[in-house]
Every structure is written in structure tokens, then in C-alpha cells.
């Protein structure tokens, strides 16, 4: 017998408007071929540069890029995780390309960047 699926549904208030994150979440894929088990840095490298840059597989290595203000194309880094910013929604909430964002999948979704360091991966390292 098939069981109904229950989905988590998160609600965020952005500029006095209620935004349903479940409506904006897009699961793109799982772990890309050639990426390690913890693949957020590898996925960010594929997304931002079009190839795997082995030194960037480790999320903390993204902190070697110069600090920057949040903007599309910048990377948001914290201990053990990195994602690429795509579009500002409001305040600290951004739509981001987020590899290994939970459940070993890559999502594009609204996420808070509070507590993240923002770096510019296009700048020389």
C-alpha cells in the first residue's frame, strides 16, 4: 500500500510578506560524479567555475577568496559549508545554489546568510 508523502513546509516573513520556502525549493541533483561525500565545495566549484577545483572541495578553503558584500555570484561560507548566492530576496535572505544542502542533494532555495562570510570567487586568490 502506498503511503502519502509529507513535506516540510517552512514559512519566512520577508518585508511583511509571507514567503513559502517550499514553493521556491528546487532539488537539482545528488552528489556529482567526481565529488567527495561532503560535496558542497565541489558542487560550488562546478557551478561557479564549470569544473571541479580539488582545493575548493574543502568548504573552508573558499575563505581564501577576498571578502565581499553579498551579491549574485558571491560565495557564502561558514564552518563546513559553502553556497553560491544567486538573487537577493530581503535582508539576510538570498536565493542560493546550495550543494549538499541536506539529504545529500543540491538545491536552489531561499536561505538566510546570517553567520556566513561572503567572498568573491572571481577575484584572484
N, C-alpha and C. Protein backbone atom coordinates (compact mmCIF):
# COMPACT_ATOMS: atom_id res chain seq x y z
N UNK A 1 0.84 -1.18 0.00
CA UNK A 1 0.00 0.00 0.00
C UNK A 1 0.88 1.25 0.00
N UNK A 2 0.59 2.19 -0.84
CA UNK A 2 1.36 3.43 -0.92
C UNK A 2 1.03 4.31 0.27
N UNK A 3 2.05 4.97 0.78
CA UNK A 3 1.88 5.88 1.90
C UNK A 3 1.95 7.32 1.39
N UNK A 4 1.10 8.20 1.91
CA UNK A 4 1.18 9.60 1.48
C UNK A 4 2.50 10.19 1.93
N UNK A 5 3.04 11.07 1.12
CA UNK A 5 4.29 11.76 1.46
C UNK A 5 3.96 13.05 2.19
N UNK A 6 4.70 13.31 3.22
CA UNK A 6 4.54 14.55 3.97
C UNK A 6 5.77 15.40 3.73
N UNK A 7 5.57 16.63 3.37
CA UNK A 7 6.67 17.53 3.08
C UNK A 7 6.78 18.59 4.16
N UNK A 8 8.01 18.90 4.52
CA UNK A 8 8.25 20.03 5.41
C UNK A 8 7.86 21.30 4.69
N UNK A 9 7.21 22.18 5.37
CA UNK A 9 6.79 23.43 4.76
C UNK A 9 7.20 24.55 5.71
N UNK A 10 8.22 25.31 5.30
CA UNK A 10 8.72 26.39 6.15
C UNK A 10 8.16 27.71 5.64
N UNK A 11 7.87 28.61 6.55
CA UNK A 11 7.35 29.92 6.20
C UNK A 11 8.32 30.96 6.75
N UNK A 12 8.64 31.95 5.95
CA UNK A 12 9.54 33.03 6.36
C UNK A 12 8.83 34.34 6.06
N UNK A 13 9.01 35.31 6.94
CA UNK A 13 8.44 36.63 6.70
C UNK A 13 9.52 37.52 6.12
N UNK A 14 9.28 38.02 4.94
CA UNK A 14 10.22 38.87 4.23
C UNK A 14 9.48 40.15 3.86
N UNK A 15 9.92 41.29 4.39
CA UNK A 15 9.28 42.59 4.13
C UNK A 15 7.77 42.53 4.32
N UNK A 16 7.36 42.01 5.45
CA UNK A 16 5.94 41.89 5.79
C UNK A 16 5.16 41.00 4.84
N UNK A 17 5.84 40.26 3.99
CA UNK A 17 5.16 39.32 3.09
C UNK A 17 5.57 37.91 3.49
N UNK A 18 4.64 37.02 3.50
CA UNK A 18 4.93 35.65 3.85
C UNK A 18 5.42 34.92 2.59
N UNK A 19 6.60 34.30 2.68
CA UNK A 19 7.16 33.56 1.55
C UNK A 19 7.23 32.10 1.95
N UNK A 20 6.66 31.26 1.16
CA UNK A 20 6.73 29.83 1.40
C UNK A 20 8.00 29.30 0.75
N UNK A 21 8.95 28.84 1.56
CA UNK A 21 10.20 28.34 1.02
C UNK A 21 9.99 27.05 0.25
N UNK A 22 9.01 26.25 0.64
CA UNK A 22 8.77 25.00 -0.07
C UNK A 22 8.39 25.27 -1.52
N UNK A 23 7.72 26.39 -1.80
CA UNK A 23 7.34 26.73 -3.16
C UNK A 23 8.54 27.10 -4.01
N UNK A 24 9.61 27.60 -3.39
CA UNK A 24 10.78 28.04 -4.12
C UNK A 24 11.91 27.02 -4.14
N UNK A 25 11.84 26.00 -3.28
CA UNK A 25 12.88 24.98 -3.25
C UNK A 25 12.87 24.17 -4.53
N UNK A 26 14.06 24.04 -5.14
CA UNK A 26 14.21 23.16 -6.30
C UNK A 26 15.36 22.22 -6.02
N UNK A 27 15.07 20.93 -5.98
CA UNK A 27 16.13 19.94 -5.85
C UNK A 27 16.66 19.67 -7.25
N UNK A 28 17.97 19.88 -7.44
CA UNK A 28 18.58 19.75 -8.76
C UNK A 28 19.18 18.37 -9.00
N UNK A 29 19.96 17.89 -8.04
CA UNK A 29 20.63 16.61 -8.22
C UNK A 29 21.23 16.15 -6.91
N UNK A 30 21.86 14.99 -6.96
CA UNK A 30 22.59 14.47 -5.82
C UNK A 30 24.06 14.82 -5.96
N UNK A 31 24.92 13.97 -5.41
CA UNK A 31 26.36 14.23 -5.45
C UNK A 31 26.87 14.06 -6.88
N UNK A 32 27.53 15.09 -7.42
CA UNK A 32 28.08 14.99 -8.78
C UNK A 32 29.21 13.96 -8.86
N UNK A 33 29.34 13.32 -10.01
CA UNK A 33 30.44 12.39 -10.23
C UNK A 33 31.76 13.11 -10.02
N UNK A 34 32.66 12.45 -9.31
CA UNK A 34 33.97 13.03 -9.07
C UNK A 34 34.07 13.87 -7.82
N UNK A 35 32.95 14.11 -7.14
CA UNK A 35 32.95 14.90 -5.91
C UNK A 35 33.01 13.99 -4.69
N UNK A 36 33.64 14.45 -3.60
CA UNK A 36 33.69 13.66 -2.37
C UNK A 36 32.31 13.57 -1.71
N UNK A 37 32.21 12.73 -0.70
CA UNK A 37 30.93 12.53 0.01
C UNK A 37 30.38 13.85 0.55
N UNK A 38 31.23 14.67 1.18
CA UNK A 38 30.84 16.01 1.62
C UNK A 38 31.14 16.94 0.44
N UNK A 39 30.12 17.25 -0.36
CA UNK A 39 30.38 17.82 -1.68
C UNK A 39 29.97 19.27 -1.88
N UNK A 40 29.68 20.02 -0.85
CA UNK A 40 29.23 21.41 -1.08
C UNK A 40 30.29 22.24 -1.79
N UNK A 41 31.56 22.11 -1.40
CA UNK A 41 32.63 22.88 -2.05
C UNK A 41 32.84 22.45 -3.48
N UNK A 42 32.77 21.17 -3.73
CA UNK A 42 32.94 20.63 -5.08
C UNK A 42 31.79 21.10 -5.98
N UNK A 43 30.57 21.03 -5.49
CA UNK A 43 29.40 21.48 -6.26
C UNK A 43 29.48 22.98 -6.53
N UNK A 44 29.90 23.76 -5.52
CA UNK A 44 30.03 25.21 -5.72
C UNK A 44 31.08 25.50 -6.80
N UNK A 45 32.16 24.74 -6.80
CA UNK A 45 33.20 24.89 -7.82
C UNK A 45 32.66 24.57 -9.21
N UNK A 46 31.92 23.48 -9.33
CA UNK A 46 31.30 23.12 -10.61
C UNK A 46 30.34 24.21 -11.08
N UNK A 47 29.54 24.71 -10.17
CA UNK A 47 28.54 25.73 -10.52
C UNK A 47 29.21 27.06 -10.90
N UNK A 48 30.18 27.47 -10.12
CA UNK A 48 30.79 28.80 -10.31
C UNK A 48 31.84 28.83 -11.42
N UNK A 49 32.64 27.73 -11.52
CA UNK A 49 33.75 27.72 -12.46
C UNK A 49 33.58 26.72 -13.60
N UNK A 50 32.55 25.86 -13.53
CA UNK A 50 32.31 24.88 -14.59
C UNK A 50 33.20 23.66 -14.52
N UNK A 51 33.95 23.52 -13.44
CA UNK A 51 34.83 22.36 -13.28
C UNK A 51 35.13 22.16 -11.80
N UNK A 52 35.58 20.96 -11.48
CA UNK A 52 35.98 20.66 -10.10
C UNK A 52 37.39 21.21 -9.89
N UNK A 53 37.52 22.03 -8.87
CA UNK A 53 38.84 22.53 -8.45
C UNK A 53 39.10 21.86 -7.10
N UNK A 54 39.96 20.82 -7.10
CA UNK A 54 40.11 19.99 -5.90
C UNK A 54 40.38 20.76 -4.61
N UNK A 55 41.15 21.86 -4.67
CA UNK A 55 41.44 22.64 -3.46
C UNK A 55 40.16 23.24 -2.87
N UNK A 56 39.13 23.44 -3.69
CA UNK A 56 37.89 24.06 -3.21
C UNK A 56 36.88 23.03 -2.74
N UNK A 57 37.24 21.74 -2.76
CA UNK A 57 36.34 20.73 -2.22
C UNK A 57 36.12 20.95 -0.73
N UNK A 58 37.11 21.46 -0.05
CA UNK A 58 37.01 21.76 1.37
C UNK A 58 36.39 23.15 1.53
N UNK A 59 35.23 23.21 2.15
CA UNK A 59 34.48 24.48 2.26
C UNK A 59 35.33 25.60 2.84
N UNK A 60 36.13 25.31 3.85
CA UNK A 60 36.91 26.38 4.49
C UNK A 60 37.92 27.01 3.54
N UNK A 61 38.34 26.31 2.48
CA UNK A 61 39.29 26.90 1.53
C UNK A 61 38.68 28.05 0.74
N UNK A 62 37.35 28.12 0.68
CA UNK A 62 36.71 29.23 -0.01
C UNK A 62 36.97 30.55 0.74
N UNK A 63 37.31 30.49 2.01
CA UNK A 63 37.61 31.70 2.78
C UNK A 63 38.88 32.39 2.31
N UNK A 64 39.65 31.74 1.44
CA UNK A 64 40.88 32.34 0.92
C UNK A 64 40.59 33.42 -0.12
N UNK A 65 39.37 33.41 -0.66
CA UNK A 65 38.99 34.47 -1.58
C UNK A 65 38.77 35.76 -0.78
N UNK A 66 38.93 36.91 -1.43
CA UNK A 66 38.73 38.18 -0.71
C UNK A 66 37.27 38.33 -0.24
N UNK A 67 37.14 38.97 0.89
CA UNK A 67 35.80 39.26 1.42
C UNK A 67 35.08 40.21 0.49
N UNK A 68 33.76 40.12 0.50
CA UNK A 68 32.96 40.94 -0.40
C UNK A 68 31.60 41.19 0.23
N UNK A 69 30.88 42.11 -0.36
CA UNK A 69 29.48 42.34 0.03
C UNK A 69 28.62 41.28 -0.65
N UNK A 70 27.51 40.90 -0.05
CA UNK A 70 26.63 39.93 -0.70
C UNK A 70 26.16 40.45 -2.06
N UNK A 71 26.26 39.61 -3.08
CA UNK A 71 25.84 39.94 -4.44
C UNK A 71 25.73 38.65 -5.22
N UNK A 72 24.96 38.65 -6.30
CA UNK A 72 24.89 37.43 -7.13
C UNK A 72 26.29 37.00 -7.57
N UNK A 73 26.55 35.70 -7.47
CA UNK A 73 27.85 35.13 -7.85
C UNK A 73 28.84 35.03 -6.72
N UNK A 74 28.58 35.71 -5.60
CA UNK A 74 29.47 35.61 -4.45
C UNK A 74 29.22 34.29 -3.73
N UNK A 75 30.19 33.85 -2.96
CA UNK A 75 30.06 32.63 -2.17
C UNK A 75 29.82 32.99 -0.71
N UNK A 76 28.92 32.26 -0.09
CA UNK A 76 28.65 32.40 1.34
C UNK A 76 29.28 31.18 2.02
N UNK A 77 30.21 31.44 2.97
CA UNK A 77 30.99 30.38 3.59
C UNK A 77 30.82 30.43 5.10
N UNK A 78 30.67 29.28 5.71
CA UNK A 78 30.73 29.14 7.17
C UNK A 78 31.47 27.84 7.44
N UNK A 79 31.70 27.54 8.68
CA UNK A 79 32.41 26.32 9.03
C UNK A 79 31.70 25.11 8.44
N UNK A 80 32.35 24.42 7.51
CA UNK A 80 31.82 23.19 6.95
C UNK A 80 30.81 23.34 5.83
N UNK A 81 30.57 24.56 5.33
CA UNK A 81 29.58 24.70 4.26
C UNK A 81 29.86 25.94 3.41
N UNK A 82 29.53 25.82 2.11
CA UNK A 82 29.64 26.93 1.17
C UNK A 82 28.49 26.82 0.17
N UNK A 83 27.99 27.98 -0.27
CA UNK A 83 26.95 28.03 -1.29
C UNK A 83 27.16 29.29 -2.12
N UNK A 84 26.55 29.31 -3.30
CA UNK A 84 26.72 30.44 -4.21
C UNK A 84 25.43 31.26 -4.24
N UNK A 85 25.55 32.56 -3.99
CA UNK A 85 24.40 33.46 -3.98
C UNK A 85 23.92 33.73 -5.41
N UNK A 86 22.60 33.73 -5.59
CA UNK A 86 22.03 33.98 -6.91
C UNK A 86 21.21 35.27 -6.95
N UNK A 87 20.31 35.43 -5.97
CA UNK A 87 19.42 36.59 -6.01
C UNK A 87 19.05 37.01 -4.60
N UNK A 88 19.14 38.31 -4.33
CA UNK A 88 18.75 38.85 -3.03
C UNK A 88 17.23 38.88 -2.93
N UNK A 89 16.70 38.40 -1.81
CA UNK A 89 15.26 38.44 -1.59
C UNK A 89 14.90 39.56 -0.63
N UNK A 90 15.50 39.56 0.56
CA UNK A 90 15.26 40.63 1.53
C UNK A 90 16.13 40.41 2.75
N UNK A 91 16.69 41.49 3.29
CA UNK A 91 17.51 41.37 4.50
C UNK A 91 18.63 40.37 4.29
N UNK A 92 18.71 39.37 5.15
CA UNK A 92 19.72 38.33 5.05
C UNK A 92 19.27 37.14 4.21
N UNK A 93 18.12 37.22 3.59
CA UNK A 93 17.59 36.08 2.84
C UNK A 93 17.96 36.20 1.36
N UNK A 94 18.60 35.14 0.86
CA UNK A 94 19.05 35.07 -0.53
C UNK A 94 18.56 33.78 -1.15
N UNK A 95 18.35 33.80 -2.45
CA UNK A 95 18.11 32.58 -3.22
C UNK A 95 19.50 32.10 -3.59
N UNK A 96 19.84 30.84 -3.28
CA UNK A 96 21.21 30.36 -3.44
C UNK A 96 21.26 28.99 -4.11
N UNK A 97 22.37 28.74 -4.77
CA UNK A 97 22.71 27.41 -5.30
C UNK A 97 23.48 26.74 -4.18
N UNK A 98 22.91 25.68 -3.60
CA UNK A 98 23.36 25.14 -2.33
C UNK A 98 23.60 23.64 -2.43
N UNK A 99 24.86 23.26 -2.73
CA UNK A 99 25.23 21.85 -2.82
C UNK A 99 25.27 21.20 -1.46
N UNK A 100 24.82 19.95 -1.40
CA UNK A 100 24.78 19.17 -0.16
C UNK A 100 24.05 19.94 0.94
N UNK A 101 22.90 20.47 0.57
CA UNK A 101 22.14 21.34 1.47
C UNK A 101 21.28 20.59 2.47
N UNK A 102 21.40 19.31 2.52
CA UNK A 102 20.62 18.47 3.41
C UNK A 102 20.09 17.29 2.62
N UNK A 103 20.19 16.11 3.17
CA UNK A 103 19.72 14.93 2.46
C UNK A 103 20.59 14.57 1.27
N UNK A 104 21.82 15.08 1.23
CA UNK A 104 22.80 14.81 0.16
C UNK A 104 22.28 15.19 -1.22
N UNK A 105 21.60 16.34 -1.30
CA UNK A 105 21.13 16.85 -2.58
C UNK A 105 21.56 18.31 -2.75
N UNK A 106 21.52 18.76 -4.00
CA UNK A 106 21.79 20.16 -4.32
C UNK A 106 20.46 20.84 -4.55
N UNK A 107 20.27 21.97 -3.88
CA UNK A 107 19.03 22.73 -4.01
C UNK A 107 19.34 24.15 -4.47
N UNK A 108 18.36 24.76 -5.08
CA UNK A 108 18.32 26.20 -5.24
C UNK A 108 17.12 26.62 -4.43
N UNK A 109 17.39 27.45 -3.40
CA UNK A 109 16.33 27.80 -2.46
C UNK A 109 16.65 29.08 -1.71
N UNK A 110 15.64 29.59 -1.03
CA UNK A 110 15.80 30.77 -0.17
C UNK A 110 16.47 30.32 1.12
N UNK A 111 17.49 31.07 1.53
CA UNK A 111 18.24 30.71 2.72
C UNK A 111 18.80 31.98 3.36
N UNK A 112 18.89 31.98 4.67
CA UNK A 112 19.49 33.11 5.38
C UNK A 112 21.01 33.00 5.32
N UNK A 113 21.67 34.11 5.08
CA UNK A 113 23.14 34.12 5.07
C UNK A 113 23.69 34.66 6.39
N UNK A 114 22.83 34.82 7.39
CA UNK A 114 23.29 35.25 8.71
C UNK A 114 24.34 34.26 9.21
N UNK A 115 25.47 34.75 9.67
CA UNK A 115 26.53 33.91 10.18
C UNK A 115 27.51 33.42 9.12
N UNK A 116 27.28 33.75 7.86
CA UNK A 116 28.18 33.37 6.78
C UNK A 116 29.16 34.51 6.48
N UNK A 117 30.33 34.15 6.01
CA UNK A 117 31.29 35.11 5.47
C UNK A 117 31.07 35.13 3.96
N UNK A 118 31.00 36.30 3.37
CA UNK A 118 30.79 36.43 1.93
C UNK A 118 32.14 36.70 1.27
N UNK A 119 32.44 35.93 0.22
CA UNK A 119 33.70 36.09 -0.50
C UNK A 119 33.44 36.18 -2.00
N UNK A 120 34.41 36.75 -2.71
CA UNK A 120 34.31 36.93 -4.15
C UNK A 120 35.18 35.90 -4.87
N UNK A 121 34.55 34.82 -5.38
CA UNK A 121 35.35 33.78 -6.04
C UNK A 121 35.94 34.22 -7.39
N UNK A 122 35.50 35.34 -7.94
CA UNK A 122 36.05 35.80 -9.22
C UNK A 122 37.36 36.56 -9.03
N UNK A 123 37.66 36.94 -7.79
CA UNK A 123 38.90 37.67 -7.51
C UNK A 123 40.08 36.70 -7.45
N UNK A 124 41.25 37.18 -7.80
CA UNK A 124 42.46 36.33 -7.75
C UNK A 124 42.69 35.85 -6.33
N UNK A 125 43.11 34.60 -6.23
CA UNK A 125 43.40 34.03 -4.91
C UNK A 125 44.86 34.17 -4.58
